[in-house]
Protein backbone atom coordinates (compact mmCIF):
# COMPACT_ATOMS: atom_id res chain seq x y z
CA MET A 1 -8.69 -21.79 0.22
CA LEU A 2 -9.86 -24.93 -0.99
CA ASP A 3 -12.34 -25.18 -3.81
CA SER A 4 -15.38 -27.53 -2.55
CA ALA A 5 -16.61 -28.20 -6.21
CA ALA A 6 -13.07 -28.99 -7.25
CA ILE A 7 -12.84 -31.45 -4.33
CA GLY A 8 -16.17 -32.63 -4.83
CA LYS A 9 -15.87 -33.39 -8.61
CA LYS A 10 -12.47 -35.47 -7.35
CA ILE A 11 -14.50 -37.54 -4.75
CA LYS A 12 -17.04 -38.29 -7.64
CA GLU A 13 -14.47 -39.21 -9.91
CA PHE A 14 -12.49 -41.74 -7.55
CA ARG A 15 -15.84 -43.03 -6.22
CA VAL A 16 -17.08 -44.08 -10.00
CA SER A 17 -13.36 -45.67 -10.32
CA VAL A 18 -13.56 -47.65 -7.77
CA GLY A 19 -17.40 -49.05 -8.90
CA LEU A 20 -19.04 -47.44 -5.74
CA THR A 21 -22.64 -45.88 -5.94
CA GLN A 22 -23.56 -42.78 -3.91
CA GLU A 23 -25.18 -44.91 -1.67
CA GLY A 24 -22.25 -47.58 -1.11
CA LEU A 25 -20.19 -44.62 -0.19
CA ALA A 26 -22.22 -43.25 1.86
CA GLU A 27 -22.72 -46.75 3.89
CA ARG A 28 -18.88 -47.04 4.16
CA LEU A 29 -18.82 -43.47 5.54
CA GLY A 30 -22.11 -43.98 8.22
CA ILE A 31 -24.15 -40.94 6.59
CA THR A 32 -26.72 -40.81 3.99
CA PHE A 33 -26.28 -40.88 0.18
CA GLN A 34 -27.72 -37.02 0.28
CA GLN A 35 -24.61 -36.28 2.03
CA VAL A 36 -22.22 -37.66 -0.30
CA GLN A 37 -24.55 -35.73 -3.18
CA ARG A 38 -23.68 -32.67 -1.40
CA PHE A 39 -20.04 -33.18 -1.22
CA GLU A 40 -19.83 -34.33 -5.00
CA LYS A 41 -21.65 -30.90 -6.15
CA GLY A 42 -19.34 -28.88 -3.76
CA THR A 43 -22.44 -27.71 -1.62
CA THR A 44 -21.12 -29.16 1.49
CA LYS A 45 -17.53 -28.67 2.44
CA VAL A 46 -15.80 -32.04 3.52
CA ASN A 47 -13.50 -31.46 6.85
CA LEU A 48 -10.12 -33.21 6.91
CA SER A 49 -11.35 -36.37 9.05
CA ARG A 50 -13.49 -37.14 6.67
CA LEU A 51 -11.36 -36.39 3.36
CA GLN A 52 -9.09 -39.13 5.35
CA GLN A 53 -12.07 -41.74 5.19
CA LEU A 54 -12.54 -41.01 1.80
CA ALA A 55 -9.22 -41.21 0.70
CA GLU A 56 -9.04 -44.76 2.86
CA ILE A 57 -12.34 -45.98 0.92
CA LEU A 58 -11.52 -44.68 -2.39
CA GLU A 59 -7.82 -45.96 -2.12
CA VAL A 60 -6.09 -42.63 -3.12
CA PRO A 61 -3.47 -40.48 -1.13
CA VAL A 62 -5.42 -37.49 0.46
CA SER A 63 -3.55 -34.94 -1.83
CA ALA A 64 -5.00 -36.64 -4.72
CA PHE A 65 -7.85 -34.33 -3.74
CA PHE A 66 -5.91 -31.29 -3.94
CA ALA A 67 -3.91 -31.28 -6.84
CA GLU A 68 -3.98 -32.09 -10.40
CA SER A 69 -4.49 -36.13 -10.04
CA PRO A 70 -2.86 -38.47 -12.75
CA ASN A 71 -6.17 -40.21 -12.95
CA THR A 72 -7.61 -36.53 -14.10
CA VAL A 73 -4.41 -35.79 -16.40
CA TYR A 74 -4.23 -39.22 -17.81
CA ASN A 75 -7.71 -40.81 -17.49
CA LEU A 76 -5.88 -43.72 -15.86
CA THR A 77 -8.17 -46.52 -14.16
CA ASN A 78 -7.74 -47.34 -10.24
CA GLU A 79 -5.53 -50.28 -11.14
CA GLU A 80 -3.09 -48.35 -12.95
CA LEU A 81 -3.32 -45.76 -10.31
CA ARG A 82 -2.42 -48.23 -7.70
CA LEU A 83 0.20 -49.91 -9.81
CA LEU A 84 1.95 -46.53 -10.18
CA GLU A 85 1.75 -46.08 -6.64
CA ALA A 86 2.90 -49.23 -5.46
CA PHE A 87 5.63 -48.55 -7.88
CA LYS A 88 7.09 -45.43 -6.55
CA GLN A 89 7.59 -47.47 -3.12
CA VAL A 90 9.90 -49.75 -5.35
CA PRO A 91 13.25 -49.14 -3.95
CA LYS A 92 15.26 -47.52 -7.12
CA HIS A 93 18.21 -49.90 -7.72
CA VAL A 94 14.89 -52.71 -8.02
CA ARG A 95 12.98 -50.49 -10.16
CA GLY A 96 14.28 -51.83 -13.50
CA SER A 97 13.67 -55.52 -12.49
CA VAL A 98 10.14 -54.78 -11.86
CA LEU A 99 9.63 -53.10 -14.96
CA ASP A 100 11.01 -55.96 -17.18
CA VAL A 101 8.94 -58.40 -15.30
CA VAL A 102 6.18 -56.24 -16.07
CA GLU A 103 6.98 -55.79 -19.72
CA ASN A 104 7.48 -59.82 -20.16
CA MET A 105 4.08 -60.42 -18.27
CA ALA A 106 2.42 -57.88 -21.44
CA VAL A 107 0.58 -59.19 -24.28
CA LYS A 108 2.73 -57.96 -27.01
CA LYS A 109 0.81 -56.79 -30.21
CA PRO A 110 1.71 -57.58 -33.56
């Protein structure tokens, strides 16, 4: 059984991480901001088609609403999550080179 409150908490977490207000998210979903509030509080269940819409808008996989997400565990920013998701799509034989490029671009602290 899905926990509406846990899903609502993740909706809010992801909404904040991409810099959207409840009003902004509501507008993109075509609903009222009060409905977004009810989703986030867990008082209204989110159906799967709406969850898919939310995932697209919030730039997360649908699975992020159901399991412990990396952002919850490690407190990653949306950009860091996007980088990790993209890196996972890079063929394994190329990942070392991609990692080298990113490390070389990083500002080194003394």
